Amino acid sequence: EYRDSWTEILQNGMHWFLCCLFIAETLGITFLIADLRDHAENNPGGNAWGISNVALGSTMDYLVTINIKVVDWLWTALSSHLTSKENWRTEADLKGAMVIKLFAVKFVVFYFPFFYTIFLKPHIGDGCAGDGLIDGCLVELNNSLMFFFITQIVTEMGMLVFQLAWTYKAVRTEINKAAKKMAGSKTYSYLELQAKAAPYETVEQMNDFMNQVVSYG
């Protein structure tokens, strides 16, 4: 029997291993970005990988947000798929397992880069930019948060507009085809419209809810 077998234990364990791996990636990238920022600030006239340190330092806020968005998207897709393949007794158990693993990674991915900037960086290495006091870290935190929130709002609005445009195009195409066949207009019902809309199932619901919590909580 599969339940409680070594195969199931290994499957669930591998999922948790990937969870820890994604968390470790965020920790590593955060420290790497901090090191690159310090290098750029301490050697403004130098360069790294053929890029001037001035240009490199100015991109660090962007890299923080890019890492958040990319890792969050990858983990949501991967973890949701893996959870759907696991053997849970009820739908509620499946949702619970999915929420725990999704939120564990999202919490670290969304919060740790900013937590590091304001709580850890002042006490690590060269400290904050400028005189090394907390004011430099506050400026860095404000810049990172501003770019993150702008990117988050723009991408969410962009996805919404894209889905509406995609649905409108699908509906309009079907209406035009029906009108040509029937030599007249076709009434489009609400149920037909729902069928053309993008799916909004358990994964999408939980992902939207958790994104609101971790993004604006």
N, C-alpha and C. Protein backbone atom coordinates (compact mmCIF):
# COMPACT_ATOMS: atom_id res chain seq x y z
N GLU A 1 0.84 -1.19 0.00
CA GLU A 1 0.00 0.00 0.00
C GLU A 1 0.88 1.24 0.00
N TYR A 2 0.48 2.25 -0.77
CA TYR A 2 1.32 3.43 -0.94
C TYR A 2 1.37 4.30 0.31
N ARG A 3 0.21 4.46 0.99
CA ARG A 3 0.17 5.35 2.15
C ARG A 3 1.11 4.87 3.24
N ASP A 4 1.88 5.81 3.80
CA ASP A 4 2.84 5.56 4.87
C ASP A 4 3.98 4.63 4.43
N SER A 5 4.12 4.43 3.14
CA SER A 5 5.23 3.61 2.64
C SER A 5 6.48 4.48 2.52
N TRP A 6 7.63 3.81 2.29
CA TRP A 6 8.87 4.55 2.12
C TRP A 6 8.83 5.42 0.87
N THR A 7 8.08 4.98 -0.12
CA THR A 7 7.95 5.77 -1.34
C THR A 7 7.26 7.10 -1.06
N GLU A 8 6.19 7.04 -0.26
CA GLU A 8 5.48 8.27 0.09
C GLU A 8 6.35 9.16 0.97
N ILE A 9 7.04 8.56 1.93
CA ILE A 9 7.92 9.34 2.81
C ILE A 9 9.01 10.03 1.99
N LEU A 10 9.58 9.30 1.03
CA LEU A 10 10.62 9.88 0.18
C LEU A 10 10.06 11.00 -0.69
N GLN A 11 8.85 10.80 -1.21
CA GLN A 11 8.23 11.83 -2.04
C GLN A 11 7.99 13.11 -1.25
N ASN A 12 7.41 12.98 -0.06
CA ASN A 12 7.16 14.15 0.78
C ASN A 12 8.47 14.79 1.25
N GLY A 13 9.45 13.93 1.57
CA GLY A 13 10.73 14.45 2.00
C GLY A 13 11.44 15.24 0.92
N MET A 14 11.34 14.77 -0.31
CA MET A 14 11.95 15.49 -1.43
C MET A 14 11.29 16.85 -1.64
N HIS A 15 9.98 16.90 -1.42
CA HIS A 15 9.27 18.18 -1.54
C HIS A 15 9.79 19.17 -0.50
N TRP A 16 9.96 18.69 0.74
CA TRP A 16 10.49 19.57 1.78
C TRP A 16 11.94 19.95 1.51
N PHE A 17 12.70 19.04 0.91
CA PHE A 17 14.08 19.35 0.55
C PHE A 17 14.12 20.50 -0.46
N LEU A 18 13.24 20.44 -1.46
CA LEU A 18 13.17 21.51 -2.45
C LEU A 18 12.73 22.82 -1.79
N CYS A 19 11.83 22.71 -0.82
CA CYS A 19 11.40 23.89 -0.07
C CYS A 19 12.60 24.56 0.60
N CYS A 20 13.42 23.76 1.27
CA CYS A 20 14.62 24.28 1.93
C CYS A 20 15.62 24.83 0.91
N LEU A 21 15.69 24.19 -0.25
CA LEU A 21 16.61 24.63 -1.29
C LEU A 21 16.23 26.01 -1.82
N PHE A 22 14.95 26.24 -2.02
CA PHE A 22 14.50 27.55 -2.49
C PHE A 22 14.74 28.62 -1.43
N ILE A 23 14.54 28.27 -0.16
CA ILE A 23 14.81 29.21 0.92
C ILE A 23 16.30 29.54 0.96
N ALA A 24 17.14 28.51 0.82
CA ALA A 24 18.59 28.72 0.83
C ALA A 24 19.03 29.59 -0.34
N GLU A 25 18.37 29.44 -1.49
CA GLU A 25 18.70 30.27 -2.65
C GLU A 25 18.47 31.74 -2.34
N THR A 26 17.35 32.04 -1.68
CA THR A 26 17.05 33.43 -1.34
C THR A 26 18.06 33.98 -0.35
N LEU A 27 18.42 33.18 0.65
CA LEU A 27 19.43 33.63 1.61
C LEU A 27 20.76 33.90 0.90
N GLY A 28 21.16 32.98 0.03
CA GLY A 28 22.43 33.14 -0.68
C GLY A 28 22.44 34.35 -1.59
N ILE A 29 21.35 34.54 -2.35
CA ILE A 29 21.26 35.68 -3.26
C ILE A 29 21.27 37.00 -2.49
N THR A 30 20.60 37.02 -1.34
CA THR A 30 20.56 38.24 -0.53
C THR A 30 21.96 38.62 -0.06
N PHE A 31 22.72 37.65 0.44
CA PHE A 31 24.09 37.93 0.87
C PHE A 31 24.98 38.30 -0.31
N LEU A 32 24.77 37.66 -1.46
CA LEU A 32 25.55 37.99 -2.65
C LEU A 32 25.29 39.42 -3.10
N ILE A 33 24.03 39.81 -3.13
CA ILE A 33 23.68 41.17 -3.53
C ILE A 33 24.29 42.18 -2.56
N ALA A 34 24.26 41.86 -1.26
CA ALA A 34 24.86 42.75 -0.27
C ALA A 34 26.36 42.89 -0.49
N ASP A 35 27.03 41.78 -0.78
CA ASP A 35 28.48 41.83 -1.04
C ASP A 35 28.79 42.65 -2.29
N LEU A 36 28.00 42.45 -3.33
CA LEU A 36 28.22 43.21 -4.57
C LEU A 36 27.98 44.70 -4.34
N ARG A 37 26.97 45.01 -3.54
CA ARG A 37 26.68 46.42 -3.25
C ARG A 37 27.84 47.06 -2.48
N ASP A 38 28.35 46.33 -1.47
CA ASP A 38 29.48 46.85 -0.69
C ASP A 38 30.71 47.04 -1.57
N HIS A 39 30.96 46.06 -2.45
CA HIS A 39 32.10 46.17 -3.36
C HIS A 39 31.97 47.39 -4.26
N ALA A 40 30.78 47.63 -4.77
CA ALA A 40 30.56 48.77 -5.66
C ALA A 40 30.72 50.09 -4.92
N GLU A 41 30.24 50.14 -3.67
CA GLU A 41 30.33 51.38 -2.90
C GLU A 41 31.76 51.67 -2.45
N ASN A 42 32.52 50.63 -2.14
CA ASN A 42 33.89 50.82 -1.66
C ASN A 42 34.89 51.06 -2.79
N ASN A 43 34.53 50.66 -4.02
CA ASN A 43 35.42 50.83 -5.17
C ASN A 43 34.65 51.44 -6.34
N PRO A 44 34.20 52.69 -6.20
CA PRO A 44 33.36 53.28 -7.25
C PRO A 44 34.05 53.40 -8.60
N GLY A 45 35.39 53.43 -8.60
CA GLY A 45 36.09 53.57 -9.87
C GLY A 45 36.41 52.25 -10.55
N GLY A 46 36.14 51.14 -9.87
CA GLY A 46 36.46 49.83 -10.43
C GLY A 46 35.34 49.26 -11.27
N ASN A 47 35.46 47.97 -11.58
CA ASN A 47 34.42 47.30 -12.34
C ASN A 47 34.40 45.82 -11.99
N ALA A 48 33.31 45.18 -12.32
CA ALA A 48 33.14 43.74 -12.09
C ALA A 48 32.44 43.14 -13.29
N TRP A 49 33.04 42.07 -13.85
CA TRP A 49 32.48 41.40 -15.03
C TRP A 49 32.30 42.37 -16.19
N GLY A 50 33.19 43.35 -16.27
CA GLY A 50 33.11 44.30 -17.36
C GLY A 50 32.08 45.40 -17.16
N ILE A 51 31.46 45.45 -15.98
CA ILE A 51 30.46 46.47 -15.67
C ILE A 51 31.04 47.41 -14.62
N SER A 52 30.89 48.70 -14.82
CA SER A 52 31.40 49.65 -13.84
C SER A 52 30.69 49.46 -12.51
N ASN A 53 31.41 49.69 -11.42
CA ASN A 53 30.82 49.51 -10.10
C ASN A 53 29.67 50.47 -9.84
N VAL A 54 29.73 51.65 -10.44
CA VAL A 54 28.63 52.60 -10.29
C VAL A 54 27.34 52.03 -10.89
N ALA A 55 27.46 51.48 -12.12
CA ALA A 55 26.29 50.88 -12.77
C ALA A 55 25.85 49.63 -12.03
N LEU A 56 26.82 48.84 -11.56
CA LEU A 56 26.48 47.61 -10.84
C LEU A 56 25.74 47.92 -9.55
N GLY A 57 26.22 48.91 -8.80
CA GLY A 57 25.56 49.26 -7.55
C GLY A 57 24.14 49.76 -7.74
N SER A 58 23.91 50.44 -8.87
CA SER A 58 22.57 50.99 -9.11
C SER A 58 21.54 49.93 -9.50
N THR A 59 22.00 48.72 -9.82
CA THR A 59 21.07 47.66 -10.23
C THR A 59 20.69 46.73 -9.09
N MET A 60 21.28 46.91 -7.91
CA MET A 60 21.05 45.96 -6.82
C MET A 60 19.59 45.94 -6.36
N ASP A 61 18.95 47.11 -6.31
CA ASP A 61 17.54 47.15 -5.93
C ASP A 61 16.68 46.37 -6.92
N TYR A 62 17.05 46.43 -8.20
CA TYR A 62 16.30 45.71 -9.22
C TYR A 62 16.50 44.20 -9.06
N LEU A 63 17.74 43.79 -8.72
CA LEU A 63 18.01 42.36 -8.57
C LEU A 63 17.22 41.76 -7.43
N VAL A 64 17.03 42.51 -6.35
CA VAL A 64 16.24 42.02 -5.22
C VAL A 64 14.82 41.70 -5.68
N THR A 65 14.21 42.63 -6.39
CA THR A 65 12.83 42.43 -6.85
C THR A 65 12.75 41.33 -7.90
N ILE A 66 13.71 41.28 -8.81
CA ILE A 66 13.71 40.23 -9.83
C ILE A 66 13.80 38.85 -9.19
N ASN A 67 14.66 38.71 -8.19
CA ASN A 67 14.78 37.42 -7.50
C ASN A 67 13.47 37.04 -6.81
N ILE A 68 12.83 38.01 -6.18
CA ILE A 68 11.55 37.74 -5.51
C ILE A 68 10.52 37.24 -6.51
N LYS A 69 10.37 37.94 -7.62
CA LYS A 69 9.34 37.60 -8.59
C LYS A 69 9.62 36.26 -9.26
N VAL A 70 10.87 36.02 -9.65
CA VAL A 70 11.21 34.79 -10.36
C VAL A 70 11.10 33.58 -9.45
N VAL A 71 11.68 33.65 -8.26
CA VAL A 71 11.64 32.52 -7.33
C VAL A 71 10.21 32.23 -6.89
N ASP A 72 9.44 33.27 -6.63
CA ASP A 72 8.04 33.07 -6.23
C ASP A 72 7.26 32.37 -7.33
N TRP A 73 7.44 32.79 -8.57
CA TRP A 73 6.73 32.16 -9.69
C TRP A 73 7.14 30.70 -9.86
N LEU A 74 8.45 30.44 -9.80
CA LEU A 74 8.93 29.07 -9.96
C LEU A 74 8.43 28.17 -8.84
N TRP A 75 8.52 28.64 -7.60
CA TRP A 75 8.11 27.80 -6.47
C TRP A 75 6.61 27.55 -6.47
N THR A 76 5.83 28.56 -6.80
CA THR A 76 4.37 28.37 -6.84
C THR A 76 4.00 27.29 -7.86
N ALA A 77 4.59 27.35 -9.04
CA ALA A 77 4.29 26.35 -10.08
C ALA A 77 4.78 24.97 -9.67
N LEU A 78 6.02 24.88 -9.17
CA LEU A 78 6.61 23.59 -8.83
C LEU A 78 5.92 22.96 -7.62
N SER A 79 5.76 23.72 -6.55
CA SER A 79 5.19 23.17 -5.32
C SER A 79 3.73 22.76 -5.52
N SER A 80 2.97 23.57 -6.25
CA SER A 80 1.56 23.23 -6.51
C SER A 80 1.46 21.92 -7.28
N HIS A 81 2.34 21.76 -8.27
CA HIS A 81 2.33 20.52 -9.06
C HIS A 81 2.71 19.32 -8.20
N LEU A 82 3.75 19.46 -7.39
CA LEU A 82 4.19 18.35 -6.55
C LEU A 82 3.13 17.97 -5.53
N THR A 83 2.48 18.97 -4.93
CA THR A 83 1.44 18.69 -3.94
C THR A 83 0.26 17.96 -4.57
N SER A 84 -0.09 18.34 -5.79
CA SER A 84 -1.22 17.68 -6.47
C SER A 84 -0.92 16.21 -6.76
N LYS A 85 0.37 15.83 -6.81
CA LYS A 85 0.75 14.44 -7.07
C LYS A 85 0.89 13.62 -5.80
N GLU A 86 0.80 14.29 -4.64
CA GLU A 86 0.95 13.57 -3.37
C GLU A 86 -0.36 12.92 -2.95
N ASN A 87 -0.26 11.96 -2.06
CA ASN A 87 -1.42 11.15 -1.67
C ASN A 87 -2.00 11.67 -0.36
N TRP A 88 -2.97 12.58 -0.46
CA TRP A 88 -3.62 13.13 0.73
C TRP A 88 -5.03 12.58 0.84
N ARG A 89 -5.47 12.39 2.08
CA ARG A 89 -6.78 11.74 2.31
C ARG A 89 -7.94 12.60 1.82
N THR A 90 -7.88 13.88 2.09
CA THR A 90 -8.99 14.76 1.74
C THR A 90 -8.48 15.98 0.99
N GLU A 91 -9.40 16.70 0.38
CA GLU A 91 -9.06 17.94 -0.31
C GLU A 91 -8.53 18.97 0.68
N ALA A 92 -9.09 18.97 1.90
CA ALA A 92 -8.63 19.91 2.92
C ALA A 92 -7.18 19.63 3.31
N ASP A 93 -6.82 18.35 3.42
CA ASP A 93 -5.43 18.00 3.73
C ASP A 93 -4.49 18.46 2.63
N LEU A 94 -4.91 18.27 1.38
CA LEU A 94 -4.09 18.70 0.25
C LEU A 94 -3.88 20.21 0.28
N LYS A 95 -4.96 20.96 0.52
CA LYS A 95 -4.84 22.42 0.57
C LYS A 95 -3.94 22.85 1.72
N GLY A 96 -4.09 22.18 2.87
CA GLY A 96 -3.25 22.52 4.01
C GLY A 96 -1.78 22.31 3.73
N ALA A 97 -1.46 21.18 3.12
CA ALA A 97 -0.06 20.89 2.78
C ALA A 97 0.47 21.90 1.76
N MET A 98 -0.37 22.27 0.81
CA MET A 98 0.05 23.22 -0.21
C MET A 98 0.31 24.60 0.41
N VAL A 99 -0.57 25.02 1.30
CA VAL A 99 -0.43 26.33 1.93
C VAL A 99 0.84 26.41 2.76
N ILE A 100 1.12 25.37 3.54
CA ILE A 100 2.31 25.38 4.41
C ILE A 100 3.59 25.55 3.59
N LYS A 101 3.72 24.76 2.54
CA LYS A 101 4.96 24.81 1.76
C LYS A 101 5.06 26.09 0.93
N LEU A 102 3.94 26.52 0.37
CA LEU A 102 3.97 27.77 -0.39
C LEU A 102 4.31 28.95 0.51
N PHE A 103 3.65 29.02 1.66
CA PHE A 103 3.85 30.17 2.54
C PHE A 103 5.24 30.19 3.15
N ALA A 104 5.77 29.01 3.48
CA ALA A 104 7.11 28.94 4.08
C ALA A 104 8.15 29.60 3.16
N VAL A 105 8.07 29.29 1.88
CA VAL A 105 9.03 29.86 0.93
C VAL A 105 8.71 31.32 0.64
N LYS A 106 7.43 31.63 0.42
CA LYS A 106 7.04 33.00 0.13
C LYS A 106 7.45 33.95 1.26
N PHE A 107 7.28 33.50 2.50
CA PHE A 107 7.60 34.35 3.64
C PHE A 107 9.07 34.77 3.61
N VAL A 108 9.95 33.80 3.36
CA VAL A 108 11.39 34.09 3.31
C VAL A 108 11.74 34.90 2.07
N VAL A 109 11.20 34.49 0.93
CA VAL A 109 11.53 35.15 -0.34
C VAL A 109 11.11 36.62 -0.32
N PHE A 110 9.93 36.92 0.20
CA PHE A 110 9.43 38.28 0.18
C PHE A 110 10.01 39.15 1.30
N TYR A 111 10.26 38.56 2.47
CA TYR A 111 10.62 39.38 3.63
C TYR A 111 12.11 39.43 3.94
N PHE A 112 12.83 38.31 3.72
CA PHE A 112 14.22 38.27 4.20
C PHE A 112 15.11 39.35 3.58
N PRO A 113 15.03 39.65 2.27
CA PRO A 113 15.91 40.70 1.72
C PRO A 113 15.76 42.03 2.44
N PHE A 114 14.53 42.39 2.80
CA PHE A 114 14.30 43.66 3.49
C PHE A 114 14.65 43.56 4.97
N PHE A 115 14.39 42.39 5.57
CA PHE A 115 14.78 42.15 6.96
C PHE A 115 16.30 42.26 7.09
N TYR A 116 17.01 41.68 6.15
CA TYR A 116 18.48 41.73 6.18
C TYR A 116 18.98 43.17 6.12
N THR A 117 18.38 43.96 5.23
CA THR A 117 18.84 45.33 5.04
C THR A 117 18.74 46.16 6.30
N ILE A 118 17.64 46.04 7.03
CA ILE A 118 17.41 46.93 8.17
C ILE A 118 17.87 46.35 9.50
N PHE A 119 17.91 45.03 9.64
CA PHE A 119 18.25 44.43 10.93
C PHE A 119 19.63 43.79 10.98
N LEU A 120 20.10 43.22 9.88
CA LEU A 120 21.37 42.50 9.89
C LEU A 120 22.52 43.30 9.29
N LYS A 121 22.26 43.97 8.19
CA LYS A 121 23.34 44.66 7.49
C LYS A 121 24.08 45.68 8.35
N PRO A 122 23.39 46.45 9.24
CA PRO A 122 24.14 47.41 10.06
C PRO A 122 25.21 46.77 10.93
N HIS A 123 25.11 45.48 11.18
CA HIS A 123 26.04 44.81 12.08
C HIS A 123 26.96 43.83 11.35
N ILE A 124 26.89 43.79 10.02
CA ILE A 124 27.69 42.83 9.24
C ILE A 124 28.60 43.59 8.28
N GLY A 125 29.84 43.19 8.19
CA GLY A 125 30.78 43.77 7.23
C GLY A 125 30.97 45.26 7.44
N ASP A 126 30.85 46.02 6.35
CA ASP A 126 31.05 47.47 6.40
C ASP A 126 29.82 48.22 6.87
N GLY A 127 28.76 47.51 7.17
CA GLY A 127 27.55 48.18 7.63
C GLY A 127 26.82 48.88 6.51
N CYS A 128 26.12 49.94 6.86
CA CYS A 128 25.30 50.66 5.89
C CYS A 128 26.15 51.61 5.06
N ALA A 129 25.58 52.05 3.97
CA ALA A 129 26.28 52.98 3.08
C ALA A 129 26.49 54.32 3.79
N GLY A 130 27.44 55.08 3.31
CA GLY A 130 27.72 56.38 3.90
C GLY A 130 28.61 56.25 5.11
N ASP A 131 28.10 56.68 6.26
CA ASP A 131 28.89 56.66 7.50
C ASP A 131 28.77 55.34 8.25
N GLY A 132 28.07 54.37 7.67
CA GLY A 132 27.93 53.07 8.31
C GLY A 132 26.82 52.99 9.31
N LEU A 133 26.10 54.09 9.53
CA LEU A 133 25.01 54.12 10.49
C LEU A 133 23.71 53.66 9.84
N ILE A 134 22.67 53.57 10.67
CA ILE A 134 21.40 53.00 10.22
C ILE A 134 20.73 53.84 9.14
N ASP A 135 21.04 55.14 9.07
CA ASP A 135 20.39 56.00 8.08
C ASP A 135 20.64 55.51 6.65
N GLY A 136 21.86 55.04 6.40
CA GLY A 136 22.17 54.54 5.06
C GLY A 136 21.34 53.32 4.71
N CYS A 137 21.11 52.45 5.70
CA CYS A 137 20.29 51.26 5.46
C CYS A 137 18.82 51.62 5.25
N LEU A 138 18.36 52.67 5.94
CA LEU A 138 16.98 53.12 5.75
C LEU A 138 16.75 53.62 4.33
N VAL A 139 17.73 54.36 3.81
CA VAL A 139 17.62 54.83 2.43
C VAL A 139 17.60 53.65 1.47
N GLU A 140 18.49 52.69 1.70
CA GLU A 140 18.54 51.50 0.84
C GLU A 140 17.23 50.71 0.92
N LEU A 141 16.69 50.58 2.13
CA LEU A 141 15.42 49.85 2.31
C LEU A 141 14.28 50.56 1.59
N ASN A 142 14.22 51.88 1.73
CA ASN A 142 13.15 52.64 1.07
C ASN A 142 13.22 52.49 -0.44
N ASN A 143 14.43 52.54 -0.99
CA ASN A 143 14.58 52.39 -2.45
C ASN A 143 14.16 51.00 -2.91
N SER A 144 14.57 49.98 -2.16
CA SER A 144 14.22 48.60 -2.53
C SER A 144 12.71 48.38 -2.45
N LEU A 145 12.10 48.87 -1.37
CA LEU A 145 10.66 48.70 -1.19
C LEU A 145 9.87 49.46 -2.25
N MET A 146 10.32 50.66 -2.57
CA MET A 146 9.62 51.45 -3.58
C MET A 146 9.61 50.74 -4.92
N PHE A 147 10.78 50.25 -5.34
CA PHE A 147 10.84 49.56 -6.63
C PHE A 147 10.03 48.27 -6.58
N PHE A 148 10.07 47.56 -5.44
CA PHE A 148 9.32 46.31 -5.33
C PHE A 148 7.82 46.55 -5.44
N PHE A 149 7.31 47.53 -4.69
CA PHE A 149 5.86 47.78 -4.71
C PHE A 149 5.40 48.26 -6.08
N ILE A 150 6.19 49.12 -6.71
CA ILE A 150 5.82 49.58 -8.05
C ILE A 150 5.78 48.40 -9.02
N THR A 151 6.80 47.55 -8.95
CA THR A 151 6.84 46.37 -9.83
C THR A 151 5.68 45.43 -9.55
N GLN A 152 5.38 45.22 -8.27
CA GLN A 152 4.29 44.32 -7.89
C GLN A 152 2.95 44.82 -8.41
N ILE A 153 2.69 46.10 -8.25
CA ILE A 153 1.42 46.66 -8.71
C ILE A 153 1.32 46.62 -10.23
N VAL A 154 2.41 46.99 -10.91
CA VAL A 154 2.40 47.01 -12.37
C VAL A 154 2.22 45.60 -12.94
N THR A 155 2.91 44.62 -12.37
CA THR A 155 2.79 43.25 -12.89
C THR A 155 1.40 42.68 -12.62
N GLU A 156 0.84 42.96 -11.44
CA GLU A 156 -0.51 42.47 -11.14
C GLU A 156 -1.54 43.10 -12.08
N MET A 157 -1.42 44.40 -12.30
CA MET A 157 -2.33 45.08 -13.22
C MET A 157 -2.13 44.57 -14.65
N GLY A 158 -0.87 44.35 -15.02
CA GLY A 158 -0.59 43.84 -16.35
C GLY A 158 -1.20 42.47 -16.59
N MET A 159 -1.09 41.58 -15.59
CA MET A 159 -1.68 40.25 -15.72
C MET A 159 -3.19 40.33 -15.82
N LEU A 160 -3.79 41.23 -15.04
CA LEU A 160 -5.25 41.39 -15.09
C LEU A 160 -5.70 41.88 -16.46
N VAL A 161 -5.01 42.88 -16.98
CA VAL A 161 -5.36 43.41 -18.31
C VAL A 161 -5.16 42.34 -19.38
N PHE A 162 -4.07 41.57 -19.26
CA PHE A 162 -3.81 40.52 -20.24
C PHE A 162 -4.92 39.47 -20.23
N GLN A 163 -5.34 39.04 -19.03
CA GLN A 163 -6.40 38.03 -18.94
C GLN A 163 -7.71 38.55 -19.51
N LEU A 164 -8.03 39.82 -19.21
CA LEU A 164 -9.26 40.40 -19.75
C LEU A 164 -9.19 40.50 -21.27
N ALA A 165 -8.04 40.92 -21.78
CA ALA A 165 -7.89 41.04 -23.24
C ALA A 165 -7.95 39.68 -23.91
N TRP A 166 -7.33 38.67 -23.28
CA TRP A 166 -7.34 37.32 -23.84
C TRP A 166 -8.76 36.76 -23.88
N THR A 167 -9.52 36.98 -22.79
CA THR A 167 -10.90 36.51 -22.74
C THR A 167 -11.76 37.24 -23.77
N TYR A 168 -11.57 38.56 -23.86
CA TYR A 168 -12.34 39.35 -24.83
C TYR A 168 -12.08 38.87 -26.25
N LYS A 169 -10.81 38.61 -26.57
CA LYS A 169 -10.46 38.15 -27.91
C LYS A 169 -11.09 36.79 -28.21
N ALA A 170 -11.05 35.87 -27.21
CA ALA A 170 -11.62 34.54 -27.41
C ALA A 170 -13.13 34.62 -27.63
N VAL A 171 -13.80 35.45 -26.83
CA VAL A 171 -15.25 35.61 -26.96
C VAL A 171 -15.61 36.27 -28.29
N ARG A 172 -14.89 37.34 -28.64
CA ARG A 172 -15.18 38.05 -29.88
C ARG A 172 -14.96 37.14 -31.10
N THR A 173 -13.92 36.33 -31.06
CA THR A 173 -13.66 35.40 -32.17
C THR A 173 -14.78 34.39 -32.32
N GLU A 174 -15.25 33.85 -31.19
CA GLU A 174 -16.33 32.86 -31.25
C GLU A 174 -17.64 33.48 -31.73
N ILE A 175 -17.92 34.71 -31.28
CA ILE A 175 -19.15 35.39 -31.71
C ILE A 175 -19.11 35.66 -33.22
N ASN A 176 -17.96 36.10 -33.70
CA ASN A 176 -17.84 36.39 -35.14
C ASN A 176 -18.01 35.13 -35.98
N LYS A 177 -17.44 34.01 -35.51
CA LYS A 177 -17.59 32.75 -36.24
C LYS A 177 -19.04 32.31 -36.25
N ALA A 178 -19.71 32.43 -35.10
CA ALA A 178 -21.11 32.02 -35.02
C ALA A 178 -21.99 32.92 -35.88
N ALA A 179 -21.66 34.21 -35.91
CA ALA A 179 -22.46 35.15 -36.71
C ALA A 179 -22.36 34.84 -38.19
N LYS A 180 -21.18 34.43 -38.64
CA LYS A 180 -21.01 34.09 -40.06
C LYS A 180 -21.80 32.83 -40.42
N LYS A 181 -21.81 31.85 -39.52
CA LYS A 181 -22.52 30.60 -39.80
C LYS A 181 -24.03 30.80 -39.75
N MET A 182 -24.49 31.64 -38.81
CA MET A 182 -25.93 31.81 -38.61
C MET A 182 -26.47 33.02 -39.37
N ALA A 183 -25.56 33.75 -40.04
CA ALA A 183 -25.96 34.94 -40.80
C ALA A 183 -26.72 35.92 -39.93
N GLY A 184 -26.20 36.15 -38.76
CA GLY A 184 -26.84 37.08 -37.84
C GLY A 184 -26.07 37.15 -36.55
N SER A 185 -26.56 37.94 -35.61
CA SER A 185 -25.88 38.09 -34.32
C SER A 185 -26.14 36.89 -33.44
N LYS A 186 -25.24 36.65 -32.51
CA LYS A 186 -25.37 35.53 -31.58
C LYS A 186 -25.37 36.07 -30.15
N THR A 187 -26.34 35.63 -29.38
CA THR A 187 -26.38 36.02 -27.98
C THR A 187 -25.40 35.16 -27.19
N TYR A 188 -24.55 35.81 -26.42
CA TYR A 188 -23.52 35.09 -25.66
C TYR A 188 -23.95 35.05 -24.20
N SER A 189 -24.12 33.85 -23.67
CA SER A 189 -24.61 33.71 -22.30
C SER A 189 -23.48 33.90 -21.30
N TYR A 190 -23.85 34.10 -20.04
CA TYR A 190 -22.86 34.28 -18.96
C TYR A 190 -22.06 33.01 -18.75
N LEU A 191 -22.70 31.85 -18.87
CA LEU A 191 -21.99 30.59 -18.69
C LEU A 191 -20.95 30.38 -19.79
N GLU A 192 -21.28 30.79 -21.01
CA GLU A 192 -20.31 30.69 -22.10
C GLU A 192 -19.13 31.62 -21.85
N LEU A 193 -19.40 32.79 -21.29
CA LEU A 193 -18.32 33.73 -20.96
C LEU A 193 -17.41 33.14 -19.89
N GLN A 194 -17.99 32.52 -18.88
CA GLN A 194 -17.19 31.89 -17.83
C GLN A 194 -16.30 30.79 -18.39
N ALA A 195 -16.83 30.05 -19.36
CA ALA A 195 -16.06 28.96 -19.95
C ALA A 195 -14.83 29.47 -20.70
N LYS A 196 -14.91 30.69 -21.21
CA LYS A 196 -13.78 31.26 -21.95
C LYS A 196 -12.77 31.96 -21.04
N ALA A 197 -13.19 32.28 -19.83
CA ALA A 197 -12.29 32.98 -18.91
C ALA A 197 -11.18 32.05 -18.43
N ALA A 198 -10.08 32.64 -17.99
CA ALA A 198 -8.95 31.85 -17.48
C ALA A 198 -9.39 31.09 -16.23
N PRO A 199 -8.91 29.86 -16.04
CA PRO A 199 -9.30 29.08 -14.86
C PRO A 199 -8.87 29.75 -13.57
N TYR A 200 -9.73 29.66 -12.57
CA TYR A 200 -9.42 30.24 -11.25
C TYR A 200 -9.77 29.19 -10.20
N GLU A 201 -8.83 28.29 -9.99
CA GLU A 201 -9.08 27.15 -9.12
C GLU A 201 -8.34 27.32 -7.80
N THR A 202 -8.15 26.21 -7.09
CA THR A 202 -7.58 26.26 -5.74
C THR A 202 -6.22 26.93 -5.72
N VAL A 203 -5.35 26.54 -6.63
CA VAL A 203 -3.99 27.09 -6.65
C VAL A 203 -4.02 28.60 -6.87
N GLU A 204 -4.81 29.06 -7.83
CA GLU A 204 -4.88 30.49 -8.11
C GLU A 204 -5.46 31.26 -6.93
N GLN A 205 -6.48 30.70 -6.27
CA GLN A 205 -7.08 31.36 -5.12
C GLN A 205 -6.08 31.52 -3.98
N MET A 206 -5.40 30.43 -3.64
CA MET A 206 -4.44 30.49 -2.54
C MET A 206 -3.26 31.38 -2.88
N ASN A 207 -2.81 31.32 -4.12
CA ASN A 207 -1.67 32.14 -4.52
C ASN A 207 -2.00 33.63 -4.45
N ASP A 208 -3.20 34.00 -4.92
CA ASP A 208 -3.61 35.40 -4.84
C ASP A 208 -3.71 35.87 -3.40
N PHE A 209 -4.31 35.03 -2.55
CA PHE A 209 -4.48 35.40 -1.14
C PHE A 209 -3.13 35.57 -0.46
N MET A 210 -2.23 34.60 -0.65
CA MET A 210 -0.93 34.67 0.01
C MET A 210 -0.08 35.80 -0.54
N ASN A 211 -0.19 36.09 -1.83
CA ASN A 211 0.56 37.20 -2.40
C ASN A 211 0.13 38.53 -1.79
N GLN A 212 -1.18 38.68 -1.54
CA GLN A 212 -1.65 39.90 -0.88
C GLN A 212 -1.11 39.99 0.54
N VAL A 213 -1.07 38.85 1.23
CA VAL A 213 -0.60 38.84 2.62
C VAL A 213 0.88 39.19 2.69
N VAL A 214 1.70 38.50 1.89
CA VAL A 214 3.15 38.71 1.99
C VAL A 214 3.61 40.00 1.31
N SER A 215 2.85 40.48 0.33
CA SER A 215 3.25 41.70 -0.37
C SER A 215 2.91 42.95 0.41
N TYR A 216 1.73 42.95 1.02
CA TYR A 216 1.26 44.16 1.68
C TYR A 216 1.02 43.98 3.16
N GLY A 217 1.38 42.79 3.69
CA GLY A 217 1.18 42.54 5.12
C GLY A 217 2.27 43.14 5.96
